Amino acid sequence: MTVPDTTDSRAGAGARRKRTDAQRNVESLLEAAKTVFATSGVDAPAKEITDLAGVGVGTLYRHFPQRSHLIKAVIEREIDACADAAPALAAEYKPGIALARWLDRLVEFVATKRGFAAALHSGDPAYDGLSGYLMEKLAPALGSLLDTATAAGEIRAEVSPKDLLYAVAKLCTPLPDEEPHYGRRMVTLIVDGLRADVATTPAVRGR
């Protein structure tokens, strides 16, 4: 009788568990970093992040050797989540409301990340390509919402996704002594302006 050799199967199962554990640790770190960055800024102590994530500092540095690697990963994760929210909102709400809610989500992403703007303009090569990644992910998501709301006659068709993304980014960049909800109020005014005089505005929008 031949006894089956289970060494390879045990090794394979062990490797899969390690990959699963590693991915779980990464997700925990990214979620914790998102929370900590919003309250304490991107320069918060590593231990504040790892304590919230429930892992050791060594685990943080194993996955993200430099702080810039962690910041970039958090931003990309938030961009992905924002893009994924567009079709979900479109399925749940009327076109104009879905657009407004998505922009509110975008404002929250841009406005509540303390220190992100300074980090991104620090010249660190780790952030190269982030602007392109944002446009690649968010412009189609926003474009779909704009097109649907325009076709439904709920907004005017005078703004491109790129223009609106840039406008939100500019309005939500924190300024010294600025009241905390300034960006959100200004973006609300933009949305209200898009809704005005729908019937008399030509339905032409450049991309």
C-alpha atoms as a PDB file:
ATOM      1  CA  MET A   1       0.000   0.000   0.000  1.00  0.00           C
ATOM      2  CA  THR A   2       1.356   3.356  -1.020  1.00  0.00           C
ATOM      3  CA  VAL A   3       1.068   6.156   1.518  1.00  0.00           C
ATOM      4  CA  PRO A   4       0.264   9.464  -0.225  1.00  0.00           C
ATOM      5  CA  ASP A   5       2.821  12.180   0.249  1.00  0.00           C
ATOM      6  CA  THR A   6       0.975  15.142   1.761  1.00  0.00           C
ATOM      7  CA  THR A   7       4.052  17.317   2.197  1.00  0.00           C
ATOM      8  CA  ASP A   8       3.361  19.402  -0.886  1.00  0.00           C
ATOM      9  CA  SER A   9      -0.321  19.902  -0.027  1.00  0.00           C
ATOM     10  CA  ARG A  10       0.553  20.972   3.525  1.00  0.00           C
ATOM     11  CA  ALA A  11       3.166  23.377   2.205  1.00  0.00           C
ATOM     12  CA  GLY A  12       0.672  24.787  -0.280  1.00  0.00           C
ATOM     13  CA  ALA A  13      -1.964  25.268   2.407  1.00  0.00           C
ATOM     14  CA  GLY A  14       0.589  26.958   4.641  1.00  0.00           C
ATOM     15  CA  ALA A  15       1.613  29.338   1.862  1.00  0.00           C
ATOM     16  CA  ARG A  16      -2.021  30.221   1.176  1.00  0.00           C
ATOM     17  CA  ARG A  17      -2.615  30.939   4.861  1.00  0.00           C
ATOM     18  CA  LYS A  18       0.409  33.212   4.935  1.00  0.00           C
ATOM     19  CA  ARG A  19      -0.828  35.101   1.878  1.00  0.00           C
ATOM     20  CA  THR A  20      -4.285  35.432   3.405  1.00  0.00           C
ATOM     21  CA  ASP A  21      -2.844  36.644   6.716  1.00  0.00           C
ATOM     22  CA  ALA A  22      -0.568  39.097   4.923  1.00  0.00           C
ATOM     23  CA  GLN A  23      -3.473  40.499   2.897  1.00  0.00           C
ATOM     24  CA  ARG A  24      -5.582  40.809   6.027  1.00  0.00           C
ATOM     25  CA  ASN A  25      -2.750  42.702   7.738  1.00  0.00           C
ATOM     26  CA  VAL A  26      -2.400  45.045   4.767  1.00  0.00           C
ATOM     27  CA  GLU A  27      -6.142  45.801   4.774  1.00  0.00           C
ATOM     28  CA  SER A  28      -6.092  46.409   8.530  1.00  0.00           C
ATOM     29  CA  LEU A  29      -3.108  48.754   8.194  1.00  0.00           C
ATOM     30  CA  LEU A  30      -4.680  50.714   5.349  1.00  0.00           C
ATOM     31  CA  GLU A  31      -7.976  51.132   7.192  1.00  0.00           C
ATOM     32  CA  ALA A  32      -6.168  52.179  10.379  1.00  0.00           C
ATOM     33  CA  ALA A  33      -3.914  54.589   8.469  1.00  0.00           C
ATOM     34  CA  LYS A  34      -6.943  56.158   6.790  1.00  0.00           C
ATOM     35  CA  THR A  35      -8.501  56.827  10.195  1.00  0.00           C
ATOM     36  CA  VAL A  36      -5.305  58.071  11.824  1.00  0.00           C
ATOM     37  CA  PHE A  37      -4.346  60.309   8.894  1.00  0.00           C
ATOM     38  CA  ALA A  38      -7.773  61.966   9.049  1.00  0.00           C
ATOM     39  CA  THR A  39      -7.378  62.824  12.722  1.00  0.00           C
ATOM     40  CA  SER A  40      -3.640  63.125  13.348  1.00  0.00           C
ATOM     41  CA  GLY A  41      -2.222  63.836   9.883  1.00  0.00           C
ATOM     42  CA  VAL A  42       0.095  61.828   7.658  1.00  0.00           C
ATOM     43  CA  ASP A  43       3.035  62.262  10.042  1.00  0.00           C
ATOM     44  CA  ALA A  44       1.281  60.451  12.895  1.00  0.00           C
ATOM     45  CA  PRO A  45       3.471  57.987  14.839  1.00  0.00           C
ATOM     46  CA  ALA A  46       3.644  54.518  13.333  1.00  0.00           C
ATOM     47  CA  LYS A  47       2.578  52.974  16.640  1.00  0.00           C
ATOM     48  CA  GLU A  48      -0.692  54.901  16.552  1.00  0.00           C
ATOM     49  CA  ILE A  49      -1.464  53.196  13.248  1.00  0.00           C
ATOM     50  CA  THR A  50      -0.303  49.708  14.244  1.00  0.00           C
ATOM     51  CA  ASP A  51      -2.125  49.811  17.582  1.00  0.00           C
ATOM     52  CA  LEU A  52      -5.370  50.607  15.783  1.00  0.00           C
ATOM     53  CA  ALA A  53      -4.690  47.902  13.199  1.00  0.00           C
ATOM     54  CA  GLY A  54      -3.844  45.327  15.850  1.00  0.00           C
ATOM     55  CA  VAL A  55      -0.428  44.459  14.389  1.00  0.00           C
ATOM     56  CA  GLY A  56       3.187  45.144  15.286  1.00  0.00           C
ATOM     57  CA  VAL A  57       5.306  47.987  13.961  1.00  0.00           C
ATOM     58  CA  GLY A  58       7.489  45.430  12.189  1.00  0.00           C
ATOM     59  CA  THR A  59       4.475  44.308  10.156  1.00  0.00           C
ATOM     60  CA  LEU A  60       3.879  47.887   9.056  1.00  0.00           C
ATOM     61  CA  TYR A  61       7.430  48.363   7.831  1.00  0.00           C
ATOM     62  CA  ARG A  62       7.495  44.948   6.178  1.00  0.00           C
ATOM     63  CA  HIS A  63       4.612  45.934   3.925  1.00  0.00           C
ATOM     64  CA  PHE A  64       5.330  49.680   3.717  1.00  0.00           C
ATOM     65  CA  PRO A  65       9.059  50.369   4.201  1.00  0.00           C
ATOM     66  CA  GLN A  66       8.627  54.125   3.696  1.00  0.00           C
ATOM     67  CA  ARG A  67       5.853  56.397   4.984  1.00  0.00           C
ATOM     68  CA  SER A  68       5.290  57.568   1.418  1.00  0.00           C
ATOM     69  CA  HIS A  69       4.462  53.972   0.389  1.00  0.00           C
ATOM     70  CA  LEU A  70       1.722  53.848   3.023  1.00  0.00           C
ATOM     71  CA  ILE A  71       0.327  57.255   2.101  1.00  0.00           C
ATOM     72  CA  LYS A  72       0.206  56.325  -1.577  1.00  0.00           C
ATOM     73  CA  ALA A  73      -1.522  53.026  -0.822  1.00  0.00           C
ATOM     74  CA  VAL A  74      -4.146  54.771   1.318  1.00  0.00           C
ATOM     75  CA  ILE A  75      -4.823  57.336  -1.410  1.00  0.00           C
ATOM     76  CA  GLU A  76      -5.123  54.688  -4.128  1.00  0.00           C
ATOM     77  CA  ARG A  77      -7.476  52.658  -1.941  1.00  0.00           C
ATOM     78  CA  GLU A  78      -9.653  55.723  -1.368  1.00  0.00           C
ATOM     79  CA  ILE A  79      -9.655  56.540  -5.082  1.00  0.00           C
ATOM     80  CA  ASP A  80     -10.761  52.991  -5.886  1.00  0.00           C
ATOM     81  CA  ALA A  81     -13.531  53.136  -3.288  1.00  0.00           C
ATOM     82  CA  CYS A  82     -14.745  56.474  -4.624  1.00  0.00           C
ATOM     83  CA  ALA A  83     -14.827  55.149  -8.188  1.00  0.00           C
ATOM     84  CA  ASP A  84     -16.675  51.998  -7.084  1.00  0.00           C
ATOM     85  CA  ALA A  85     -19.299  54.123  -5.308  1.00  0.00           C
ATOM     86  CA  ALA A  86     -20.495  55.723  -8.566  1.00  0.00           C
ATOM     87  CA  PRO A  87     -22.394  52.742 -10.027  1.00  0.00           C
ATOM     88  CA  ALA A  88     -23.757  51.819  -6.584  1.00  0.00           C
ATOM     89  CA  LEU A  89     -25.175  55.324  -6.106  1.00  0.00           C
ATOM     90  CA  ALA A  90     -26.510  55.408  -9.668  1.00  0.00           C
ATOM     91  CA  ALA A  91     -28.432  52.203  -8.992  1.00  0.00           C
ATOM     92  CA  GLU A  92     -29.935  53.509  -5.743  1.00  0.00           C
ATOM     93  CA  TYR A  93     -30.791  57.152  -6.445  1.00  0.00           C
ATOM     94  CA  LYS A  94     -32.178  59.395  -9.137  1.00  0.00           C
ATOM     95  CA  PRO A  95     -29.413  60.739 -11.427  1.00  0.00           C
ATOM     96  CA  GLY A  96     -29.134  64.231  -9.921  1.00  0.00           C
ATOM     97  CA  ILE A  97     -29.109  62.925  -6.354  1.00  0.00           C
ATOM     98  CA  ALA A  98     -26.588  60.199  -7.228  1.00  0.00           C
ATOM     99  CA  LEU A  99     -24.277  62.852  -8.691  1.00  0.00           C
ATOM    100  CA  ALA A 100     -24.599  65.086  -5.631  1.00  0.00           C
ATOM    101  CA  ARG A 101     -23.972  62.214  -3.236  1.00  0.00           C
ATOM    102  CA  TRP A 102     -20.932  61.060  -5.198  1.00  0.00           C
ATOM    103  CA  LEU A 103     -19.469  64.555  -5.183  1.00  0.00           C
ATOM    104  CA  ASP A 104     -20.092  64.715  -1.440  1.00  0.00           C
ATOM    105  CA  ARG A 105     -18.121  61.463  -1.140  1.00  0.00           C
ATOM    106  CA  LEU A 106     -15.335  62.997  -3.216  1.00  0.00           C
ATOM    107  CA  VAL A 107     -15.280  66.114  -1.039  1.00  0.00           C
ATOM    108  CA  GLU A 108     -14.943  63.965   2.066  1.00  0.00           C
ATOM    109  CA  PHE A 109     -12.020  62.113   0.497  1.00  0.00           C
ATOM    110  CA  VAL A 110     -10.199  65.288  -0.582  1.00  0.00           C
ATOM    111  CA  ALA A 111     -10.958  67.535   2.367  1.00  0.00           C
ATOM    112  CA  THR A 112     -10.438  65.279   5.377  1.00  0.00           C
ATOM    113  CA  LYS A 113      -6.961  63.919   4.673  1.00  0.00           C
ATOM    114  CA  ARG A 114      -4.748  66.152   6.785  1.00  0.00           C
ATOM    115  CA  GLY A 115      -1.311  66.673   5.314  1.00  0.00           C
ATOM    116  CA  PHE A 116      -1.946  64.816   2.038  1.00  0.00           C
ATOM    117  CA  ALA A 117      -1.528  67.895  -0.137  1.00  0.00           C
ATOM    118  CA  ALA A 118       1.857  68.770   1.386  1.00  0.00           C
ATOM    119  CA  ALA A 119       3.012  65.163   1.092  1.00  0.00           C
ATOM    120  CA  LEU A 120       1.976  64.897  -2.547  1.00  0.00           C
ATOM    121  CA  HIS A 121       3.876  68.081  -3.419  1.00  0.00           C
ATOM    122  CA  SER A 122       6.990  67.051  -1.515  1.00  0.00           C
ATOM    123  CA  GLY A 123       8.765  65.790  -4.628  1.00  0.00           C
ATOM    124  CA  ASP A 124       8.909  62.215  -3.348  1.00  0.00           C
ATOM    125  CA  PRO A 125       9.014  59.934  -6.432  1.00  0.00           C
ATOM    126  CA  ALA A 126       6.705  57.486  -4.663  1.00  0.00           C
ATOM    127  CA  TYR A 127       3.822  59.783  -5.584  1.00  0.00           C
ATOM    128  CA  ASP A 128       4.640  59.899  -9.280  1.00  0.00           C
ATOM    129  CA  GLY A 129       1.627  58.836 -11.283  1.00  0.00           C
ATOM    130  CA  LEU A 130      -0.971  59.429  -8.553  1.00  0.00           C
ATOM    131  CA  SER A 131      -2.551  62.330 -10.406  1.00  0.00           C
ATOM    132  CA  GLY A 132      -2.881  60.198 -13.517  1.00  0.00           C
ATOM    133  CA  TYR A 133      -4.277  57.318 -11.472  1.00  0.00           C
ATOM    134  CA  LEU A 134      -6.912  59.604  -9.973  1.00  0.00           C
ATOM    135  CA  MET A 135      -8.033  60.834 -13.380  1.00  0.00           C
ATOM    136  CA  GLU A 136      -7.980  57.331 -14.842  1.00  0.00           C
ATOM    137  CA  LYS A 137     -10.289  56.043 -12.109  1.00  0.00           C
ATOM    138  CA  LEU A 138     -12.498  58.994 -11.218  1.00  0.00           C
ATOM    139  CA  ALA A 139     -13.074  60.763 -14.540  1.00  0.00           C
ATOM    140  CA  PRO A 140     -15.002  57.808 -16.076  1.00  0.00           C
ATOM    141  CA  ALA A 141     -16.990  57.331 -12.854  1.00  0.00           C
ATOM    142  CA  LEU A 142     -17.951  60.996 -12.708  1.00  0.00           C
ATOM    143  CA  GLY A 143     -18.519  61.128 -16.479  1.00  0.00           C
ATOM    144  CA  SER A 144     -21.073  58.339 -16.255  1.00  0.00           C
ATOM    145  CA  LEU A 145     -22.969  60.159 -13.495  1.00  0.00           C
ATOM    146  CA  LEU A 146     -22.879  63.435 -15.424  1.00  0.00           C
ATOM    147  CA  ASP A 147     -24.098  61.785 -18.626  1.00  0.00           C
ATOM    148  CA  THR A 148     -26.980  60.052 -16.876  1.00  0.00           C
ATOM    149  CA  ALA A 149     -28.056  63.212 -15.045  1.00  0.00           C
ATOM    150  CA  THR A 150     -27.820  65.230 -18.268  1.00  0.00           C
ATOM    151  CA  ALA A 151     -29.845  62.680 -20.234  1.00  0.00           C
ATOM    152  CA  ALA A 152     -32.490  62.770 -17.503  1.00  0.00           C
ATOM    153  CA  GLY A 153     -32.688  66.557 -17.833  1.00  0.00           C
ATOM    154  CA  GLU A 154     -31.602  67.099 -14.238  1.00  0.00           C
ATOM    155  CA  ILE A 155     -28.416  69.090 -14.870  1.00  0.00           C
ATOM    156  CA  ARG A 156     -26.918  71.277 -17.527  1.00  0.00           C
ATOM    157  CA  ALA A 157     -24.212  69.828 -19.730  1.00  0.00           C
ATOM    158  CA  GLU A 158     -21.552  72.501 -19.509  1.00  0.00           C
ATOM    159  CA  VAL A 159     -18.879  70.837 -17.428  1.00  0.00           C
ATOM    160  CA  SER A 160     -16.482  67.997 -18.165  1.00  0.00           C
ATOM    161  CA  PRO A 161     -15.503  65.379 -15.563  1.00  0.00           C
ATOM    162  CA  LYS A 162     -11.936  66.693 -15.630  1.00  0.00           C
ATOM    163  CA  ASP A 163     -13.031  70.287 -14.979  1.00  0.00           C
ATOM    164  CA  LEU A 164     -15.293  69.254 -12.120  1.00  0.00           C
ATOM    165  CA  LEU A 165     -12.631  67.059 -10.515  1.00  0.00           C
ATOM    166  CA  TYR A 166     -10.125  69.901 -10.647  1.00  0.00           C
ATOM    167  CA  ALA A 167     -12.691  72.320  -9.208  1.00  0.00           C
ATOM    168  CA  VAL A 168     -13.451  70.037  -6.265  1.00  0.00           C
ATOM    169  CA  ALA A 169      -9.744  69.512  -5.577  1.00  0.00           C
ATOM    170  CA  LYS A 170      -9.088  73.259  -5.590  1.00  0.00           C
ATOM    171  CA  LEU A 171     -12.077  74.121  -3.427  1.00  0.00           C
ATOM    172  CA  CYS A 172     -11.289  71.433  -0.869  1.00  0.00           C
ATOM    173  CA  THR A 173      -7.588  72.173  -0.437  1.00  0.00           C
ATOM    174  CA  PRO A 174      -7.351  73.483   3.153  1.00  0.00           C
ATOM    175  CA  LEU A 175      -6.321  77.100   3.649  1.00  0.00           C
ATOM    176  CA  PRO A 176      -5.062  78.732   6.861  1.00  0.00           C
ATOM    177  CA  ASP A 177      -7.931  79.703   9.200  1.00  0.00           C
ATOM    178  CA  GLU A 178     -10.506  78.348   6.751  1.00  0.00           C
ATOM    179  CA  GLU A 179     -13.770  77.179   8.273  1.00  0.00           C
ATOM    180  CA  PRO A 180     -13.931  73.370   8.025  1.00  0.00           C
ATOM    181  CA  HIS A 181     -16.983  73.028   5.783  1.00  0.00           C
ATOM    182  CA  TYR A 182     -16.024  75.665   3.225  1.00  0.00           C
ATOM    183  CA  GLY A 183     -15.177  73.184   0.464  1.00  0.00           C
ATOM    184  CA  ARG A 184     -18.397  71.231   0.923  1.00  0.00           C
ATOM    185  CA  ARG A 185     -20.486  74.405   0.739  1.00  0.00           C
ATOM    186  CA  MET A 186     -18.725  75.566  -2.418  1.00  0.00           C
ATOM    187  CA  VAL A 187     -19.179  72.206  -4.155  1.00  0.00           C
ATOM    188  CA  THR A 188     -22.875  72.307  -3.193  1.00  0.00           C
ATOM    189  CA  LEU A 189     -23.099  75.688  -4.958  1.00  0.00           C
ATOM    190  CA  ILE A 190     -21.512  74.170  -8.079  1.00  0.00           C
ATOM    191  CA  VAL A 191     -24.074  71.356  -8.108  1.00  0.00           C
ATOM    192  CA  ASP A 192     -26.899  73.842  -7.601  1.00  0.00           C
ATOM    193  CA  GLY A 193     -25.527  75.881 -10.506  1.00  0.00           C
ATOM    194  CA  LEU A 194     -25.509  72.832 -12.762  1.00  0.00           C
ATOM    195  CA  ARG A 195     -29.164  72.277 -11.969  1.00  0.00           C
ATOM    196  CA  ALA A 196     -30.197  75.822 -12.925  1.00  0.00           C
ATOM    197  CA  ASP A 197     -32.010  76.607 -16.205  1.00  0.00           C
ATOM    198  CA  VAL A 198     -31.773  73.058 -17.515  1.00  0.00           C
ATOM    199  CA  ALA A 199     -34.411  73.614 -20.157  1.00  0.00           C
ATOM    200  CA  THR A 200     -32.637  76.559 -21.773  1.00  0.00           C
ATOM    201  CA  THR A 201     -29.096  75.142 -21.828  1.00  0.00           C
ATOM    202  CA  PRO A 202     -27.735  73.300 -24.870  1.00  0.00           C
ATOM    203  CA  ALA A 203     -26.984  69.651 -24.054  1.00  0.00           C
ATOM    204  CA  VAL A 204     -23.370  69.765 -25.225  1.00  0.00           C
ATOM    205  CA  ARG A 205     -20.485  68.895 -22.955  1.00  0.00           C
ATOM    206  CA  GLY A 206     -16.868  68.614 -23.985  1.00  0.00           C
ATOM    207  CA  ARG A 207     -14.586  65.917 -22.581  1.00  0.00           C
END
